[in-house]
Amino acid sequence: MSVLIFDSGVGGLSVLREARAVLIGQQFIYVGDDAGFPYGDWQEAPLLARIMSLFDVLMNHYNPDAVIVACNTASTLILPALRERYTTPFIGIVPAIKPAAERSASGLFSVLATPATVKRQSTKDLIEEFATDCSVNLVGATRLARLAEEYMLGRAIDSAILKDEIAPCFVESAQGKTDIITLGCTHYPFLVNEMRKLAPWPVDWLDPAEAVARRALHQLQQSNATPKASDHTSDIAVMSSGQQEKARKRVLDSFGLVGRDKAITEKLMLINR
């Protein structure tokens, strides 16, 4: 059986890491749309059209047993259209608002995400459903995903910029202090250790990756579909830009994504034009 994990770059590797621990024995196909990164800079209509075009190619080529859309911005935008077009189970990722509301002792927590994610109605709906008794601070970080991508590729990042990006998450009032920050972008978990160093006080950082992996397992268990044959035996990575940057290759290889698929990469690159 195969599971396709889709992200705007290499941030979805945080989800792949958890998925491997839960979805034992699956072949993973990791697709990073680095040519379209970062998604937070896009307007909704062209981004929707781009992602649908990518999936038209990917689904026809791989026909996976399940798909994890490991990008908050994409998940809040694209999932209804994908589920309408395909019968394959699609599992999205959303900010961990429900567990944050359940665990917050002060009732003050922040959602750290891209500007697109914090503006989505789906994010507001989660707050309305699960966190009406809490004070929820929505923080749209404009530079954090790019910082995380650079950090993962082994490049130096500016701590001052990182500190500025997370500073609005920390709120102090008569009610108390922010005690939880839920990470609304799959890139962010790779920066958690750096963010802890810069935080004005300790908080819990919630990463929804494990919950997404378990939901994918449940979907596969509930599906009656016959596992599909695959031409690939190893886990593979496909980057939409087709660039063979050494730093990115090193990161993908370190996650065991040693296979590449030149044919599908060339098809995705046509969408970039």
Protein backbone atom coordinates (compact mmCIF):
# COMPACT_ATOMS: atom_id res chain seq x y z
CA MET A 1 0.00 0.00 0.00
CA SER A 2 1.15 3.54 -0.64
CA VAL A 3 0.55 6.85 1.08
CA LEU A 4 1.23 10.14 -0.66
CA ILE A 5 2.23 13.06 1.56
CA PHE A 6 1.88 16.49 -0.03
CA ASP A 7 3.37 19.74 1.24
CA SER A 8 4.48 23.13 -0.07
CA GLY A 9 8.13 22.31 0.66
CA VAL A 10 10.04 20.13 3.10
CA GLY A 11 7.98 21.08 6.17
CA GLY A 12 5.71 18.06 5.69
CA LEU A 13 8.63 15.87 6.68
CA SER A 14 7.45 16.47 10.25
CA VAL A 15 4.27 14.60 9.31
CA LEU A 16 6.18 11.90 7.44
CA ARG A 17 8.21 11.28 10.60
CA GLU A 18 5.06 10.59 12.64
CA ALA A 19 3.30 8.72 9.82
CA ARG A 20 6.12 6.20 9.57
CA ALA A 21 5.76 5.42 13.28
CA VAL A 22 2.02 4.77 12.93
CA LEU A 23 1.50 3.50 9.37
CA ILE A 24 3.78 0.49 9.49
CA GLY A 25 4.68 -1.20 6.23
CA GLN A 26 3.45 1.55 3.90
CA GLN A 27 5.38 2.93 0.97
CA PHE A 28 5.56 6.73 1.25
CA ILE A 29 5.64 9.13 -1.67
CA TYR A 30 6.62 12.58 -0.49
CA VAL A 31 5.71 15.46 -2.81
CA GLY A 32 7.00 18.96 -2.08
CA ASP A 33 5.70 21.83 -4.19
CA ASP A 34 8.85 23.87 -3.71
CA ALA A 35 8.18 25.72 -6.98
CA GLY A 36 5.05 27.17 -5.38
CA PHE A 37 6.53 27.77 -1.92
CA PRO A 38 5.48 29.59 0.22
CA TYR A 39 1.72 29.05 -0.07
CA GLY A 40 1.01 31.82 2.41
CA ASP A 41 1.90 34.39 -0.27
CA TRP A 42 -0.72 33.15 -2.77
CA GLN A 43 -4.23 34.37 -3.45
CA GLU A 44 -6.84 31.64 -2.98
CA ALA A 45 -8.06 31.17 -6.57
CA PRO A 46 -4.68 30.72 -8.30
CA LEU A 47 -3.42 28.52 -5.47
CA LEU A 48 -6.49 26.30 -5.68
CA ALA A 49 -6.02 25.96 -9.44
CA ARG A 50 -2.33 25.14 -9.04
CA ILE A 51 -2.79 22.45 -6.42
CA MET A 52 -5.63 20.80 -8.35
CA SER A 53 -3.42 20.70 -11.45
CA LEU A 54 -0.64 19.07 -9.45
CA PHE A 55 -2.99 16.46 -8.04
CA ASP A 56 -4.40 15.66 -11.47
CA VAL A 57 -0.90 14.52 -12.40
CA LEU A 58 -0.05 12.88 -9.08
CA MET A 59 -3.24 10.86 -8.69
CA ASN A 60 -3.11 9.60 -12.27
CA HIS A 61 0.53 8.59 -11.90
CA TYR A 62 0.61 7.07 -8.41
CA ASN A 63 -3.01 6.17 -7.59
CA PRO A 64 -2.18 6.02 -3.85
CA ASP A 65 -4.25 4.27 -1.19
CA ALA A 66 -4.41 7.46 0.87
CA VAL A 67 -3.22 11.06 0.70
CA ILE A 68 -2.10 13.26 3.58
CA VAL A 69 -2.19 16.96 2.74
CA ALA A 70 0.54 17.95 5.19
CA CYS A 71 0.11 21.68 4.80
CA ASN A 72 -2.33 23.76 6.82
CA THR A 73 -2.78 26.42 4.15
CA ALA A 74 -3.51 23.82 1.48
CA SER A 75 -5.73 21.72 3.77
CA THR A 76 -8.01 24.62 4.66
CA LEU A 77 -8.37 25.48 0.97
CA ILE A 78 -8.26 22.36 -1.17
CA LEU A 79 -9.73 19.35 0.66
CA PRO A 80 -13.40 19.74 -0.38
CA ALA A 81 -12.42 19.93 -4.06
CA LEU A 82 -10.10 16.92 -3.80
CA ARG A 83 -12.70 14.80 -2.02
CA GLU A 84 -15.28 15.69 -4.62
CA ARG A 85 -12.99 14.69 -7.51
CA TYR A 86 -11.40 11.51 -6.07
CA THR A 87 -12.59 8.54 -4.00
CA THR A 88 -9.19 8.12 -2.35
CA PRO A 89 -9.16 9.05 1.37
CA PHE A 90 -7.71 12.54 1.88
CA ILE A 91 -6.49 13.49 5.34
CA GLY A 92 -5.83 17.14 6.03
CA ILE A 93 -4.13 18.99 8.84
CA VAL A 94 -5.62 21.81 10.87
CA PRO A 95 -4.39 23.78 13.89
CA ALA A 96 -4.72 21.78 17.11
CA ILE A 97 -7.33 24.09 18.61
CA LYS A 98 -9.41 21.44 20.37
CA PRO A 99 -6.51 19.90 22.35
CA ALA A 100 -5.16 23.37 23.12
CA ALA A 101 -8.50 24.39 24.59
CA GLU A 102 -8.66 21.18 26.62
CA ARG A 103 -5.14 21.53 28.02
CA SER A 104 -4.79 25.28 28.60
CA ALA A 105 -4.76 26.06 32.32
CA SER A 106 -4.94 29.82 31.83
CA GLY A 107 -7.49 29.73 29.01
CA LEU A 108 -5.05 31.78 26.95
CA PHE A 109 -3.46 30.11 23.94
CA SER A 110 -2.12 31.18 20.57
CA VAL A 111 -2.43 29.73 17.09
CA LEU A 112 0.80 30.35 15.19
CA ALA A 113 0.22 29.86 11.46
CA THR A 114 0.53 31.48 8.06
CA PRO A 115 -1.61 34.57 7.41
CA ALA A 116 -3.76 32.53 5.02
CA THR A 117 -4.51 29.87 7.65
CA VAL A 118 -5.46 32.31 10.41
CA LYS A 119 -7.83 34.13 8.01
CA ARG A 120 -9.64 30.98 6.86
CA GLN A 121 -13.23 30.53 8.04
CA SER A 122 -12.40 26.91 8.89
CA THR A 123 -9.97 28.11 11.58
CA LYS A 124 -12.61 30.42 13.04
CA ASP A 125 -15.12 27.56 12.96
CA LEU A 126 -12.76 25.38 15.04
CA ILE A 127 -12.49 28.15 17.63
CA GLU A 128 -16.26 28.56 17.70
CA GLU A 129 -16.76 24.83 18.14
CA PHE A 130 -14.06 23.97 20.65
CA ALA A 131 -12.66 27.12 22.30
CA THR A 132 -15.47 29.52 23.13
CA ASP A 133 -14.39 29.50 26.77
CA CYS A 134 -10.83 30.47 25.89
CA SER A 135 -9.08 33.58 24.68
CA VAL A 136 -7.53 32.53 21.39
CA ASN A 137 -4.81 34.68 19.87
CA LEU A 138 -4.41 34.18 16.11
CA VAL A 139 -0.91 35.01 14.90
CA GLY A 140 -0.22 35.10 11.16
CA ALA A 141 3.54 34.79 10.75
CA THR A 142 4.77 36.15 7.43
CA ARG A 143 8.36 34.89 7.50
CA LEU A 144 8.37 31.82 9.73
CA ALA A 145 7.77 29.12 7.09
CA ARG A 146 10.65 30.46 5.03
CA LEU A 147 12.89 30.57 8.10
CA ALA A 148 12.02 26.96 8.89
CA GLU A 149 12.75 25.87 5.33
CA GLU A 150 16.14 27.58 5.48
CA TYR A 151 16.88 26.07 8.89
CA MET A 152 16.07 22.56 7.67
CA LEU A 153 18.42 23.04 4.73
CA GLY A 154 21.24 23.79 7.15
CA ARG A 155 21.42 27.51 6.57
CA ALA A 156 21.89 30.13 9.26
CA ILE A 157 18.78 32.03 10.29
CA ASP A 158 18.42 35.42 11.95
CA SER A 159 17.37 34.90 15.58
CA ALA A 160 16.11 38.47 15.77
CA ILE A 161 13.62 37.80 12.97
CA LEU A 162 12.55 34.54 14.58
CA LYS A 163 12.01 36.32 17.90
CA ASP A 164 9.89 39.00 16.21
CA GLU A 165 7.78 36.36 14.46
CA ILE A 166 6.85 34.53 17.67
CA ALA A 167 6.60 37.58 19.98
CA PRO A 168 2.87 38.24 19.30
CA CYS A 169 2.08 34.72 20.54
CA PHE A 170 2.92 35.66 24.12
CA VAL A 171 0.10 37.53 25.81
CA GLU A 172 -0.13 38.51 29.48
CA SER A 173 -3.32 39.85 31.04
CA ALA A 174 -5.23 39.83 34.30
CA GLN A 175 -6.44 36.37 33.27
CA GLY A 176 -2.89 35.02 33.14
CA LYS A 177 -0.30 34.21 30.50
CA THR A 178 -0.32 32.32 27.25
CA ASP A 179 0.53 28.74 28.18
CA ILE A 180 0.09 26.90 24.86
CA ILE A 181 1.07 27.69 21.28
CA THR A 182 -0.43 25.43 18.66
CA LEU A 183 1.66 25.14 15.51
CA GLY A 184 -0.45 25.78 12.43
CA CYS A 185 2.20 25.01 9.82
CA THR A 186 4.09 21.74 9.37
CA HIS A 187 7.34 23.66 8.90
CA TYR A 188 7.24 25.09 12.40
CA PRO A 189 8.02 21.96 14.51
CA PHE A 190 11.57 21.96 13.14
CA LEU A 191 12.10 25.36 14.77
CA VAL A 192 10.62 24.53 18.17
CA ASN A 193 13.96 24.17 19.94
CA GLU A 194 15.08 27.55 18.61
CA MET A 195 11.74 29.14 19.54
CA ARG A 196 11.98 27.77 23.08
CA LYS A 197 15.28 29.58 23.53
CA LEU A 198 13.71 32.89 22.49
CA ALA A 199 10.40 32.56 24.34
CA PRO A 200 9.83 35.05 27.20
CA TRP A 201 8.37 32.23 29.32
CA PRO A 202 7.87 28.47 28.94
CA VAL A 203 4.84 27.24 26.98
CA ASP A 204 3.68 23.96 25.48
CA TRP A 205 4.11 23.78 21.70
CA LEU A 206 1.43 21.60 20.13
CA ASP A 207 2.27 19.74 16.92
CA PRO A 208 -0.74 18.02 15.25
CA ALA A 209 1.41 15.61 13.18
CA GLU A 210 0.83 12.52 15.34
CA ALA A 211 -2.94 13.07 15.37
CA VAL A 212 -2.91 13.36 11.57
CA ALA A 213 -0.97 10.10 11.24
CA ARG A 214 -3.44 8.29 13.48
CA ARG A 215 -6.37 9.68 11.52
CA ALA A 216 -4.74 8.39 8.33
CA LEU A 217 -4.41 4.95 9.92
CA HIS A 218 -8.08 5.01 10.86
CA GLN A 219 -9.06 6.01 7.32
CA LEU A 220 -7.03 3.18 5.82
CA GLN A 221 -8.52 0.68 8.26
CA GLN A 222 -12.04 1.84 7.43
CA SER A 223 -11.44 1.75 3.69
CA ASN A 224 -12.54 -1.36 1.87
CA ALA A 225 -10.35 -0.60 -1.12
CA THR A 226 -7.95 -3.26 -2.33
CA PRO A 227 -4.31 -2.20 -1.87
CA LYS A 228 -2.88 -0.99 -5.15
CA ALA A 229 0.26 -2.36 -6.69
CA SER A 230 3.25 -0.03 -6.86
CA ASP A 231 6.20 0.06 -9.22
CA HIS A 232 8.37 1.47 -6.44
CA THR A 233 9.83 -0.40 -3.50
CA SER A 234 11.53 2.44 -1.62
CA ASP A 235 10.09 5.65 -0.25
CA ILE A 236 10.54 8.41 -2.78
CA ALA A 237 10.58 12.19 -2.93
CA VAL A 238 9.33 14.41 -5.73
CA MET A 239 9.98 18.15 -5.76
CA SER A 240 7.95 20.20 -8.23
CA SER A 241 10.81 22.53 -9.17
CA GLY A 242 13.00 19.69 -10.36
CA GLN A 243 15.99 21.35 -8.75
CA GLN A 244 18.71 19.06 -7.44
CA GLU A 245 19.97 21.34 -4.70
CA LYS A 246 22.54 19.54 -2.52
CA ALA A 247 21.13 20.83 0.78
CA ARG A 248 17.59 19.70 -0.07
CA LYS A 249 18.81 16.32 -1.33
CA ARG A 250 20.71 15.85 1.91
CA VAL A 251 17.57 16.54 3.96
CA LEU A 252 15.41 14.20 1.88
CA ASP A 253 18.05 11.45 2.01
CA SER A 254 18.29 11.84 5.80
CA PHE A 255 14.58 11.02 5.99
CA GLY A 256 15.09 7.87 3.97
CA LEU A 257 13.58 9.34 0.80
CA VAL A 258 16.30 7.93 -1.38
CA GLY A 259 14.18 7.34 -4.49
CA ARG A 260 13.42 9.95 -7.12
CA ASP A 261 10.91 9.90 -9.98
CA LYS A 262 12.21 11.88 -12.95
CA ALA A 263 9.18 11.21 -15.16
CA ILE A 264 6.64 12.68 -12.75
CA THR A 265 8.95 15.58 -11.87
CA GLU A 266 9.08 16.61 -15.52
CA LYS A 267 5.27 16.58 -15.68
CA LEU A 268 4.98 18.74 -12.56
CA MET A 269 7.54 21.18 -13.91
CA LEU A 270 5.26 21.84 -16.89
CA ILE A 271 2.69 23.27 -14.45
CA ASN A 272 5.27 25.81 -13.30
CA ARG A 273 5.41 27.41 -16.75
